[in-house]
Amino acid sequence: EGQIGIIDSALSRKGTIGLLPTGSGKSICYQLSAVLQPAISFVVCPIKSLMYDQKADLDSIGFTRSNFITSELKPDQKMKVQNDFGRGKYFFIFISPERFQTQGFRSEMEAIGLDRSFAYAVIDEAHCLSEWGHDFRPSYLHLGLNINKYCSVDGETPPPVVGLTGTASFAVLTDIQIELEIKEEEAVILP
């Protein structure tokens, strides 16, 4: 319950916030939507183990066109994954919110946006955006602005944002909507 609404909203190219309980299949919502688009997507995750798990889950079903960039990779490995992503080798890359704080990464994402389209900017565990949330991370501050500025196609059209979380109060949902610049008439999907 709730998945269809999130997928429908995402496929309609609307900014979307999906609130589903843990274990109810939030990941499949962005994964299915993204593979149906002729573009690449990135997934902002707060925890490395979550990135590793999501990639392993995709690999286990034969979907091998995803990767991650974490602090455990050497600089040349990070650059290779980033370059491969920019060339379209991966449908998804999993990144931490801290990546958007480095000018090199911002420049790379800008360059990709001039050459390719981003299907979606996915924010997993989106409650981390909110200062009202129990897991607030300062690296999430201005994430929406950074996505709009550095991931726009031709410097003008930002990708639709899909924010997903398993837990959020009304104040947290409002904060997420404001931070990600998702208009009030666009989707906040509750089960």
N, C-alpha and C. Protein backbone atom coordinates (compact mmCIF):
# COMPACT_ATOMS: atom_id res chain seq x y z
N GLU A 1 0.85 -1.18 0.00
CA GLU A 1 0.00 0.00 0.00
C GLU A 1 0.89 1.25 0.00
N GLY A 2 0.58 2.19 -0.87
CA GLY A 2 1.33 3.43 -0.95
C GLY A 2 2.34 3.45 -2.08
N GLN A 3 2.83 2.28 -2.49
CA GLN A 3 3.84 2.24 -3.55
C GLN A 3 3.32 2.78 -4.87
N ILE A 4 2.11 2.40 -5.25
CA ILE A 4 1.55 2.82 -6.54
C ILE A 4 1.49 4.34 -6.62
N GLY A 5 1.07 4.99 -5.55
CA GLY A 5 0.99 6.46 -5.55
C GLY A 5 2.34 7.12 -5.74
N ILE A 6 3.37 6.58 -5.09
CA ILE A 6 4.72 7.12 -5.22
C ILE A 6 5.23 6.92 -6.64
N ILE A 7 5.06 5.73 -7.17
CA ILE A 7 5.52 5.42 -8.53
C ILE A 7 4.78 6.29 -9.54
N ASP A 8 3.46 6.41 -9.40
CA ASP A 8 2.66 7.23 -10.31
C ASP A 8 3.12 8.68 -10.29
N SER A 9 3.35 9.21 -9.11
CA SER A 9 3.79 10.60 -8.99
C SER A 9 5.18 10.79 -9.62
N ALA A 10 6.09 9.86 -9.33
CA ALA A 10 7.43 9.95 -9.90
C ALA A 10 7.39 9.85 -11.42
N LEU A 11 6.62 8.90 -11.96
CA LEU A 11 6.53 8.75 -13.41
C LEU A 11 5.86 9.95 -14.06
N SER A 12 5.08 10.71 -13.30
CA SER A 12 4.48 11.94 -13.80
C SER A 12 5.47 13.10 -13.74
N ARG A 13 6.71 12.80 -13.30
CA ARG A 13 7.81 13.76 -13.23
C ARG A 13 7.53 14.86 -12.21
N LYS A 14 6.81 14.51 -11.14
CA LYS A 14 6.53 15.45 -10.06
C LYS A 14 7.51 15.23 -8.93
N GLY A 15 7.82 16.30 -8.21
CA GLY A 15 8.54 16.13 -6.95
C GLY A 15 7.66 15.31 -6.04
N THR A 16 8.24 14.35 -5.34
CA THR A 16 7.45 13.39 -4.57
C THR A 16 8.10 13.12 -3.23
N ILE A 17 7.30 13.10 -2.19
CA ILE A 17 7.76 12.64 -0.88
C ILE A 17 6.92 11.42 -0.54
N GLY A 18 7.58 10.31 -0.33
CA GLY A 18 6.89 9.07 0.00
C GLY A 18 7.19 8.66 1.43
N LEU A 19 6.15 8.45 2.19
CA LEU A 19 6.28 8.02 3.58
C LEU A 19 5.67 6.63 3.69
N LEU A 20 6.55 5.64 3.80
CA LEU A 20 6.11 4.25 3.96
C LEU A 20 6.86 3.63 5.12
N PRO A 21 6.24 2.74 5.86
CA PRO A 21 6.93 2.11 6.99
C PRO A 21 8.17 1.35 6.53
N THR A 22 9.13 1.23 7.42
CA THR A 22 10.34 0.48 7.14
C THR A 22 9.97 -0.93 6.70
N GLY A 23 10.61 -1.40 5.64
CA GLY A 23 10.36 -2.74 5.14
C GLY A 23 9.19 -2.86 4.19
N SER A 24 8.60 -1.73 3.80
CA SER A 24 7.41 -1.80 2.94
C SER A 24 7.73 -1.52 1.47
N GLY A 25 8.99 -1.49 1.10
CA GLY A 25 9.35 -1.40 -0.31
C GLY A 25 9.50 -0.01 -0.88
N LYS A 26 10.10 0.90 -0.12
CA LYS A 26 10.33 2.25 -0.65
C LYS A 26 11.30 2.22 -1.82
N SER A 27 12.33 1.39 -1.73
CA SER A 27 13.38 1.37 -2.77
C SER A 27 12.82 0.98 -4.13
N ILE A 28 11.92 0.03 -4.17
CA ILE A 28 11.37 -0.40 -5.46
C ILE A 28 10.63 0.75 -6.14
N CYS A 29 10.12 1.69 -5.36
CA CYS A 29 9.40 2.83 -5.94
C CYS A 29 10.31 3.67 -6.83
N TYR A 30 11.49 4.02 -6.33
CA TYR A 30 12.39 4.82 -7.18
C TYR A 30 13.08 3.95 -8.21
N GLN A 31 13.38 2.70 -7.86
CA GLN A 31 14.09 1.84 -8.81
C GLN A 31 13.25 1.58 -10.05
N LEU A 32 12.00 1.22 -9.86
CA LEU A 32 11.11 0.95 -10.99
C LEU A 32 10.90 2.21 -11.82
N SER A 33 10.63 3.32 -11.14
CA SER A 33 10.42 4.58 -11.86
C SER A 33 11.64 4.95 -12.67
N ALA A 34 12.81 4.81 -12.10
CA ALA A 34 14.05 5.24 -12.77
C ALA A 34 14.39 4.37 -13.98
N VAL A 35 14.22 3.06 -13.86
CA VAL A 35 14.59 2.22 -15.00
C VAL A 35 13.63 2.39 -16.18
N LEU A 36 12.48 2.99 -15.94
CA LEU A 36 11.54 3.26 -17.02
C LEU A 36 11.82 4.60 -17.70
N GLN A 37 12.87 5.30 -17.29
CA GLN A 37 13.24 6.58 -17.87
C GLN A 37 14.50 6.43 -18.72
N PRO A 38 14.64 7.23 -19.76
CA PRO A 38 15.85 7.16 -20.59
C PRO A 38 16.94 8.07 -20.03
N ALA A 39 17.28 7.88 -18.77
CA ALA A 39 18.24 8.76 -18.12
C ALA A 39 18.86 8.05 -16.92
N ILE A 40 19.76 8.74 -16.25
CA ILE A 40 20.45 8.20 -15.08
C ILE A 40 19.94 8.88 -13.82
N SER A 41 20.10 8.23 -12.68
CA SER A 41 19.63 8.77 -11.41
C SER A 41 20.69 8.60 -10.35
N PHE A 42 20.63 9.46 -9.34
CA PHE A 42 21.51 9.28 -8.18
C PHE A 42 20.65 9.20 -6.93
N VAL A 43 21.16 8.46 -5.96
CA VAL A 43 20.43 8.20 -4.72
C VAL A 43 21.31 8.68 -3.57
N VAL A 44 20.82 9.65 -2.82
CA VAL A 44 21.55 10.17 -1.67
C VAL A 44 21.15 9.33 -0.46
N CYS A 45 22.14 8.67 0.15
CA CYS A 45 21.92 7.79 1.30
C CYS A 45 22.75 8.28 2.48
N PRO A 46 22.22 8.22 3.68
CA PRO A 46 22.98 8.72 4.84
C PRO A 46 23.98 7.72 5.41
N ILE A 47 23.86 6.43 5.04
CA ILE A 47 24.67 5.40 5.68
C ILE A 47 25.30 4.51 4.60
N LYS A 48 26.61 4.27 4.72
CA LYS A 48 27.31 3.43 3.75
C LYS A 48 26.70 2.03 3.66
N SER A 49 26.38 1.45 4.81
CA SER A 49 25.84 0.09 4.79
C SER A 49 24.54 0.02 4.00
N LEU A 50 23.74 1.10 4.02
CA LEU A 50 22.52 1.15 3.23
C LEU A 50 22.85 1.14 1.73
N MET A 51 23.89 1.87 1.35
CA MET A 51 24.32 1.88 -0.06
C MET A 51 24.75 0.48 -0.48
N TYR A 52 25.57 -0.15 0.36
CA TYR A 52 26.09 -1.48 0.04
C TYR A 52 24.94 -2.49 -0.08
N ASP A 53 23.99 -2.40 0.86
CA ASP A 53 22.85 -3.32 0.85
C ASP A 53 21.99 -3.13 -0.40
N GLN A 54 21.74 -1.88 -0.77
CA GLN A 54 20.90 -1.64 -1.94
C GLN A 54 21.58 -2.13 -3.21
N LYS A 55 22.89 -1.89 -3.34
CA LYS A 55 23.62 -2.39 -4.51
C LYS A 55 23.61 -3.92 -4.53
N ALA A 56 23.86 -4.53 -3.37
CA ALA A 56 23.87 -6.00 -3.30
C ALA A 56 22.50 -6.57 -3.66
N ASP A 57 21.42 -5.92 -3.19
CA ASP A 57 20.07 -6.38 -3.52
C ASP A 57 19.82 -6.31 -5.02
N LEU A 58 20.25 -5.22 -5.65
CA LEU A 58 20.09 -5.09 -7.10
C LEU A 58 20.93 -6.13 -7.84
N ASP A 59 22.19 -6.29 -7.40
CA ASP A 59 23.07 -7.29 -8.02
C ASP A 59 22.46 -8.69 -7.94
N SER A 60 21.83 -8.98 -6.81
CA SER A 60 21.29 -10.33 -6.59
C SER A 60 20.15 -10.69 -7.54
N ILE A 61 19.50 -9.68 -8.11
CA ILE A 61 18.43 -9.96 -9.07
C ILE A 61 18.90 -9.73 -10.51
N GLY A 62 20.22 -9.57 -10.68
CA GLY A 62 20.78 -9.42 -12.02
C GLY A 62 20.84 -8.00 -12.54
N PHE A 63 20.52 -7.04 -11.70
CA PHE A 63 20.60 -5.64 -12.10
C PHE A 63 21.96 -5.11 -11.67
N THR A 64 22.91 -5.13 -12.58
CA THR A 64 24.30 -4.83 -12.23
C THR A 64 24.73 -3.43 -12.64
N ARG A 65 23.79 -2.60 -13.04
CA ARG A 65 24.15 -1.25 -13.50
C ARG A 65 23.94 -0.20 -12.42
N SER A 66 24.49 -0.50 -11.23
CA SER A 66 24.49 0.46 -10.14
C SER A 66 25.86 0.40 -9.46
N ASN A 67 26.19 1.47 -8.76
CA ASN A 67 27.43 1.51 -8.01
C ASN A 67 27.30 2.55 -6.91
N PHE A 68 28.35 2.72 -6.15
CA PHE A 68 28.33 3.70 -5.07
C PHE A 68 29.67 4.43 -5.02
N ILE A 69 29.63 5.59 -4.40
CA ILE A 69 30.84 6.35 -4.11
C ILE A 69 30.83 6.58 -2.60
N THR A 70 31.82 6.01 -1.92
CA THR A 70 31.92 6.19 -0.47
C THR A 70 33.33 6.60 -0.10
N SER A 71 33.50 6.97 1.14
CA SER A 71 34.82 7.39 1.63
C SER A 71 35.80 6.22 1.67
N GLU A 72 35.30 5.00 1.58
CA GLU A 72 36.19 3.84 1.60
C GLU A 72 36.87 3.60 0.25
N LEU A 73 36.40 4.24 -0.80
CA LEU A 73 37.04 4.12 -2.11
C LEU A 73 38.23 5.07 -2.19
N LYS A 74 39.23 4.66 -2.93
CA LYS A 74 40.39 5.52 -3.19
C LYS A 74 39.98 6.61 -4.18
N PRO A 75 40.68 7.74 -4.17
CA PRO A 75 40.29 8.83 -5.08
C PRO A 75 40.15 8.42 -6.54
N ASP A 76 41.06 7.57 -7.04
CA ASP A 76 40.95 7.15 -8.44
C ASP A 76 39.74 6.25 -8.66
N GLN A 77 39.35 5.46 -7.65
CA GLN A 77 38.15 4.63 -7.77
C GLN A 77 36.89 5.50 -7.80
N LYS A 78 36.86 6.53 -6.94
CA LYS A 78 35.72 7.45 -6.93
C LYS A 78 35.58 8.11 -8.30
N MET A 79 36.70 8.56 -8.85
CA MET A 79 36.66 9.24 -10.15
C MET A 79 36.19 8.29 -11.25
N LYS A 80 36.62 7.03 -11.19
CA LYS A 80 36.19 6.07 -12.21
C LYS A 80 34.68 5.84 -12.15
N VAL A 81 34.16 5.64 -10.94
CA VAL A 81 32.70 5.44 -10.80
C VAL A 81 31.97 6.68 -11.30
N GLN A 82 32.44 7.86 -10.92
CA GLN A 82 31.80 9.11 -11.35
C GLN A 82 31.82 9.23 -12.87
N ASN A 83 32.98 8.95 -13.48
CA ASN A 83 33.09 9.03 -14.95
C ASN A 83 32.20 8.00 -15.64
N ASP A 84 32.19 6.77 -15.11
CA ASP A 84 31.33 5.73 -15.68
C ASP A 84 29.85 6.12 -15.58
N PHE A 85 29.48 6.71 -14.47
CA PHE A 85 28.11 7.19 -14.29
C PHE A 85 27.79 8.26 -15.33
N GLY A 86 28.71 9.20 -15.53
CA GLY A 86 28.51 10.26 -16.50
C GLY A 86 28.40 9.76 -17.93
N ARG A 87 28.99 8.62 -18.21
CA ARG A 87 28.91 8.01 -19.55
C ARG A 87 27.69 7.11 -19.69
N GLY A 88 26.92 6.95 -18.61
CA GLY A 88 25.70 6.15 -18.68
C GLY A 88 25.87 4.68 -18.37
N LYS A 89 27.04 4.29 -17.84
CA LYS A 89 27.26 2.88 -17.50
C LYS A 89 26.33 2.43 -16.38
N TYR A 90 26.03 3.32 -15.45
CA TYR A 90 25.18 2.98 -14.31
C TYR A 90 23.86 3.73 -14.40
N PHE A 91 22.78 3.02 -14.09
CA PHE A 91 21.48 3.68 -13.96
C PHE A 91 21.41 4.46 -12.66
N PHE A 92 22.08 3.93 -11.63
CA PHE A 92 22.07 4.57 -10.31
C PHE A 92 23.49 4.65 -9.76
N ILE A 93 23.77 5.73 -9.06
CA ILE A 93 24.90 5.71 -8.14
C ILE A 93 24.36 6.13 -6.78
N PHE A 94 24.88 5.50 -5.77
CA PHE A 94 24.53 5.81 -4.39
C PHE A 94 25.64 6.69 -3.84
N ILE A 95 25.25 7.82 -3.27
CA ILE A 95 26.22 8.78 -2.75
C ILE A 95 25.76 9.29 -1.40
N SER A 96 26.70 9.81 -0.64
CA SER A 96 26.35 10.43 0.64
C SER A 96 26.01 11.90 0.40
N PRO A 97 25.30 12.52 1.32
CA PRO A 97 24.99 13.95 1.15
C PRO A 97 26.26 14.81 1.19
N GLU A 98 27.30 14.32 1.83
CA GLU A 98 28.56 15.07 1.91
C GLU A 98 29.21 15.28 0.55
N ARG A 99 28.91 14.40 -0.42
CA ARG A 99 29.49 14.55 -1.77
C ARG A 99 29.15 15.92 -2.35
N PHE A 100 27.94 16.41 -2.07
CA PHE A 100 27.53 17.71 -2.61
C PHE A 100 28.24 18.88 -1.96
N GLN A 101 29.04 18.62 -0.95
CA GLN A 101 29.79 19.70 -0.31
C GLN A 101 31.17 19.89 -0.94
N THR A 102 31.53 19.05 -1.90
CA THR A 102 32.83 19.18 -2.55
C THR A 102 32.66 19.81 -3.93
N GLN A 103 33.50 20.78 -4.23
CA GLN A 103 33.39 21.49 -5.50
C GLN A 103 33.65 20.56 -6.68
N GLY A 104 34.58 19.63 -6.52
CA GLY A 104 34.87 18.69 -7.61
C GLY A 104 33.65 17.88 -8.01
N PHE A 105 32.92 17.38 -7.02
CA PHE A 105 31.71 16.60 -7.31
C PHE A 105 30.65 17.48 -7.96
N ARG A 106 30.49 18.68 -7.42
CA ARG A 106 29.51 19.60 -8.01
C ARG A 106 29.82 19.86 -9.48
N SER A 107 31.08 20.10 -9.77
CA SER A 107 31.49 20.36 -11.17
C SER A 107 31.22 19.16 -12.06
N GLU A 108 31.51 17.96 -11.54
CA GLU A 108 31.24 16.75 -12.31
C GLU A 108 29.75 16.60 -12.60
N MET A 109 28.92 16.85 -11.61
CA MET A 109 27.47 16.72 -11.81
C MET A 109 26.97 17.77 -12.80
N GLU A 110 27.52 18.98 -12.74
CA GLU A 110 27.16 20.01 -13.72
C GLU A 110 27.51 19.56 -15.13
N ALA A 111 28.70 19.01 -15.28
CA ALA A 111 29.15 18.54 -16.59
C ALA A 111 28.26 17.41 -17.11
N ILE A 112 27.87 16.49 -16.23
CA ILE A 112 26.98 15.41 -16.63
C ILE A 112 25.64 15.99 -17.10
N GLY A 113 25.12 16.98 -16.36
CA GLY A 113 23.85 17.61 -16.71
C GLY A 113 23.87 18.31 -18.06
N LEU A 114 25.05 18.75 -18.50
CA LEU A 114 25.15 19.38 -19.82
C LEU A 114 25.12 18.34 -20.94
N ASP A 115 25.49 17.11 -20.60
CA ASP A 115 25.60 16.05 -21.60
C ASP A 115 24.44 15.05 -21.55
N ARG A 116 23.87 14.85 -20.37
CA ARG A 116 22.83 13.84 -20.16
C ARG A 116 21.71 14.42 -19.31
N SER A 117 20.65 13.67 -19.21
CA SER A 117 19.56 14.04 -18.31
C SER A 117 19.61 13.16 -17.08
N PHE A 118 19.23 13.73 -15.97
CA PHE A 118 19.04 12.94 -14.75
C PHE A 118 17.56 12.59 -14.68
N ALA A 119 17.26 11.31 -14.51
CA ALA A 119 15.86 10.90 -14.38
C ALA A 119 15.31 11.41 -13.05
N TYR A 120 16.03 11.10 -11.96
CA TYR A 120 15.58 11.50 -10.63
C TYR A 120 16.77 11.78 -9.72
N ALA A 121 16.52 12.66 -8.79
CA ALA A 121 17.38 12.83 -7.64
C ALA A 121 16.62 12.20 -6.48
N VAL A 122 17.12 11.09 -5.99
CA VAL A 122 16.42 10.36 -4.93
C VAL A 122 17.09 10.65 -3.60
N ILE A 123 16.29 10.99 -2.61
CA ILE A 123 16.79 11.22 -1.26
C ILE A 123 16.21 10.12 -0.38
N ASP A 124 17.06 9.13 -0.06
CA ASP A 124 16.62 8.04 0.81
C ASP A 124 16.78 8.52 2.25
N GLU A 125 15.90 8.06 3.11
CA GLU A 125 15.87 8.51 4.51
C GLU A 125 15.77 10.04 4.57
N ALA A 126 14.80 10.57 3.82
CA ALA A 126 14.65 12.01 3.66
C ALA A 126 14.40 12.75 4.96
N HIS A 127 14.00 12.06 6.01
CA HIS A 127 13.79 12.73 7.30
C HIS A 127 15.08 13.35 7.83
N CYS A 128 16.24 12.89 7.33
CA CYS A 128 17.53 13.47 7.76
C CYS A 128 17.68 14.92 7.32
N LEU A 129 16.82 15.39 6.39
CA LEU A 129 16.84 16.78 5.94
C LEU A 129 16.31 17.73 7.00
N SER A 130 15.49 17.24 7.88
CA SER A 130 14.76 18.11 8.78
C SER A 130 15.48 18.33 10.11
N GLU A 131 15.58 19.58 10.47
CA GLU A 131 16.15 19.89 11.78
C GLU A 131 15.23 19.44 12.91
N TRP A 132 13.97 19.14 12.59
CA TRP A 132 13.03 18.63 13.58
C TRP A 132 13.17 17.12 13.75
N GLY A 133 13.88 16.49 12.82
CA GLY A 133 14.00 15.04 12.85
C GLY A 133 15.08 14.58 13.82
N HIS A 134 14.95 13.36 14.31
CA HIS A 134 15.91 12.81 15.27
C HIS A 134 17.24 12.43 14.62
N ASP A 135 17.26 12.28 13.29
CA ASP A 135 18.49 11.90 12.58
C ASP A 135 19.03 13.03 11.73
N PHE A 136 18.73 14.27 12.06
CA PHE A 136 19.16 15.41 11.25
C PHE A 136 20.67 15.37 11.01
N ARG A 137 21.06 15.63 9.77
CA ARG A 137 22.47 15.69 9.39
C ARG A 137 22.76 17.03 8.75
N PRO A 138 23.70 17.81 9.28
CA PRO A 138 24.01 19.13 8.69
C PRO A 138 24.38 19.05 7.21
N SER A 139 24.94 17.92 6.77
CA SER A 139 25.32 17.79 5.36
C SER A 139 24.11 17.79 4.44
N TYR A 140 22.91 17.62 4.99
CA TYR A 140 21.70 17.67 4.18
C TYR A 140 21.22 19.11 3.96
N LEU A 141 21.76 20.06 4.74
CA LEU A 141 21.36 21.45 4.55
C LEU A 141 21.65 21.88 3.13
N HIS A 142 20.71 22.53 2.51
CA HIS A 142 20.83 23.06 1.15
C HIS A 142 20.96 21.96 0.09
N LEU A 143 20.65 20.73 0.43
CA LEU A 143 20.73 19.65 -0.55
C LEU A 143 19.82 19.93 -1.74
N GLY A 144 18.61 20.38 -1.47
CA GLY A 144 17.68 20.70 -2.56
C GLY A 144 18.23 21.80 -3.45
N LEU A 145 18.78 22.85 -2.85
CA LEU A 145 19.37 23.94 -3.64
C LEU A 145 20.54 23.43 -4.48
N ASN A 146 21.38 22.60 -3.88
CA ASN A 146 22.54 22.07 -4.60
C ASN A 146 22.12 21.18 -5.76
N ILE A 147 21.10 20.37 -5.56
CA ILE A 147 20.60 19.52 -6.64
C ILE A 147 20.08 20.40 -7.77
N ASN A 148 19.29 21.41 -7.43
CA ASN A 148 18.74 22.30 -8.46
C ASN A 148 19.85 23.03 -9.21
N LYS A 149 20.87 23.44 -8.49
CA LYS A 149 21.94 24.24 -9.11
C LYS A 149 22.92 23.39 -9.92
N TYR A 150 23.31 22.23 -9.39
CA TYR A 150 24.40 21.47 -10.00
C TYR A 150 23.94 20.26 -10.83
N CYS A 151 22.68 19.94 -10.79
CA CYS A 151 22.21 18.74 -11.51
C CYS A 151 21.15 19.06 -12.54
N SER A 152 21.06 20.30 -12.93
CA SER A 152 20.05 20.71 -13.91
C SER A 152 20.51 20.35 -15.32
N VAL A 153 19.55 19.98 -16.13
CA VAL A 153 19.82 19.70 -17.53
C VAL A 153 20.02 21.04 -18.23
N ASP A 154 21.12 21.19 -18.93
CA ASP A 154 21.46 22.44 -19.61
C ASP A 154 21.45 23.63 -18.65
N GLY A 155 21.69 23.37 -17.37
CA GLY A 155 21.75 24.45 -16.39
C GLY A 155 20.41 25.07 -16.07
N GLU A 156 19.30 24.47 -16.55
CA GLU A 156 17.99 25.10 -16.37
C GLU A 156 16.95 24.23 -15.68
N THR A 157 16.86 22.97 -16.05
CA THR A 157 15.77 22.13 -15.57
C THR A 157 16.29 21.09 -14.57
N PRO A 158 15.98 21.26 -13.28
CA PRO A 158 16.45 20.27 -12.31
C PRO A 158 15.66 18.97 -12.43
N PRO A 159 16.27 17.87 -12.01
CA PRO A 159 15.54 16.60 -12.06
C PRO A 159 14.44 16.57 -11.00
N PRO A 160 13.39 15.79 -11.24
CA PRO A 160 12.39 15.63 -10.19
C PRO A 160 13.05 14.96 -8.97
N VAL A 161 12.66 15.40 -7.80
CA VAL A 161 13.20 14.85 -6.57
C VAL A 161 12.20 13.86 -6.00
N VAL A 162 12.71 12.70 -5.59
CA VAL A 162 11.89 11.70 -4.91
C VAL A 162 12.50 11.52 -3.53
N GLY A 163 11.82 11.99 -2.51
CA GLY A 163 12.27 11.84 -1.13
C GLY A 163 11.49 10.71 -0.47
N LEU A 164 12.21 9.79 0.14
CA LEU A 164 11.56 8.63 0.76
C LEU A 164 11.98 8.50 2.22
N THR A 165 11.03 8.18 3.06
CA THR A 165 11.34 7.98 4.48
C THR A 165 10.34 7.02 5.09
N GLY A 166 10.76 6.41 6.17
CA GLY A 166 9.90 5.48 6.88
C GLY A 166 9.24 6.11 8.08
N THR A 167 9.72 7.28 8.46
CA THR A 167 9.18 7.90 9.65
C THR A 167 9.28 9.41 9.53
N ALA A 168 8.20 10.11 9.80
CA ALA A 168 8.24 11.57 9.77
C ALA A 168 6.96 12.14 10.37
N SER A 169 7.14 13.12 11.24
CA SER A 169 6.00 13.85 11.77
C SER A 169 5.55 14.87 10.73
N PHE A 170 4.45 15.55 11.01
CA PHE A 170 3.98 16.58 10.08
C PHE A 170 5.02 17.68 9.93
N ALA A 171 5.66 18.07 11.03
CA ALA A 171 6.70 19.12 10.98
C ALA A 171 7.87 18.68 10.12
N VAL A 172 8.26 17.42 10.24
CA VAL A 172 9.37 16.89 9.44
C VAL A 172 8.99 16.85 7.96
N LEU A 173 7.78 16.38 7.65
CA LEU A 173 7.32 16.34 6.26
C LEU A 173 7.30 17.74 5.65
N THR A 174 6.85 18.71 6.41
CA THR A 174 6.82 20.10 5.93
C THR A 174 8.24 20.59 5.67
N ASP A 175 9.15 20.29 6.58
CA ASP A 175 10.56 20.66 6.40
C ASP A 175 11.14 20.04 5.13
N ILE A 176 10.87 18.76 4.91
CA ILE A 176 11.37 18.06 3.72
C ILE A 176 10.82 18.74 2.46
N GLN A 177 9.54 19.04 2.47
CA GLN A 177 8.91 19.66 1.32
C GLN A 177 9.54 21.02 1.02
N ILE A 178 9.82 21.80 2.04
CA ILE A 178 10.44 23.12 1.86
C ILE A 178 11.88 22.96 1.38
N GLU A 179 12.65 22.10 2.02
CA GLU A 179 14.06 21.92 1.66
C GLU A 179 14.23 21.42 0.23
N LEU A 180 13.36 20.52 -0.20
CA LEU A 180 13.47 19.96 -1.54
C LEU A 180 12.71 20.76 -2.59
N GLU A 181 12.09 21.86 -2.14
CA GLU A 181 11.34 22.75 -3.03
C GLU A 181 10.26 22.00 -3.80
N ILE A 182 9.55 21.14 -3.08
CA ILE A 182 8.44 20.41 -3.67
C ILE A 182 7.18 21.22 -3.40
N LYS A 183 6.52 21.61 -4.47
CA LYS A 183 5.36 22.48 -4.36
C LYS A 183 4.25 21.79 -3.58
N GLU A 184 3.43 22.62 -2.94
CA GLU A 184 2.37 22.08 -2.10
C GLU A 184 1.40 21.20 -2.87
N GLU A 185 1.15 21.53 -4.15
CA GLU A 185 0.22 20.72 -4.93
C GLU A 185 0.84 19.44 -5.44
N GLU A 186 2.18 19.30 -5.29
CA GLU A 186 2.82 18.07 -5.69
C GLU A 186 2.70 17.06 -4.55
N ALA A 187 3.21 15.89 -4.78
CA ALA A 187 2.82 14.74 -3.99
C ALA A 187 3.55 14.56 -2.67
N VAL A 188 2.78 14.36 -1.64
CA VAL A 188 3.24 13.78 -0.39
C VAL A 188 2.37 12.53 -0.23
N ILE A 189 2.98 11.38 -0.36
CA ILE A 189 2.23 10.12 -0.38
C ILE A 189 2.31 9.44 0.98
N LEU A 190 1.18 9.23 1.57
CA LEU A 190 1.09 8.51 2.84
C LEU A 190 0.32 7.22 2.61
N PRO A 191 0.66 6.14 3.33
CA PRO A 191 -0.11 4.91 3.13
C PRO A 191 -1.52 5.03 3.66
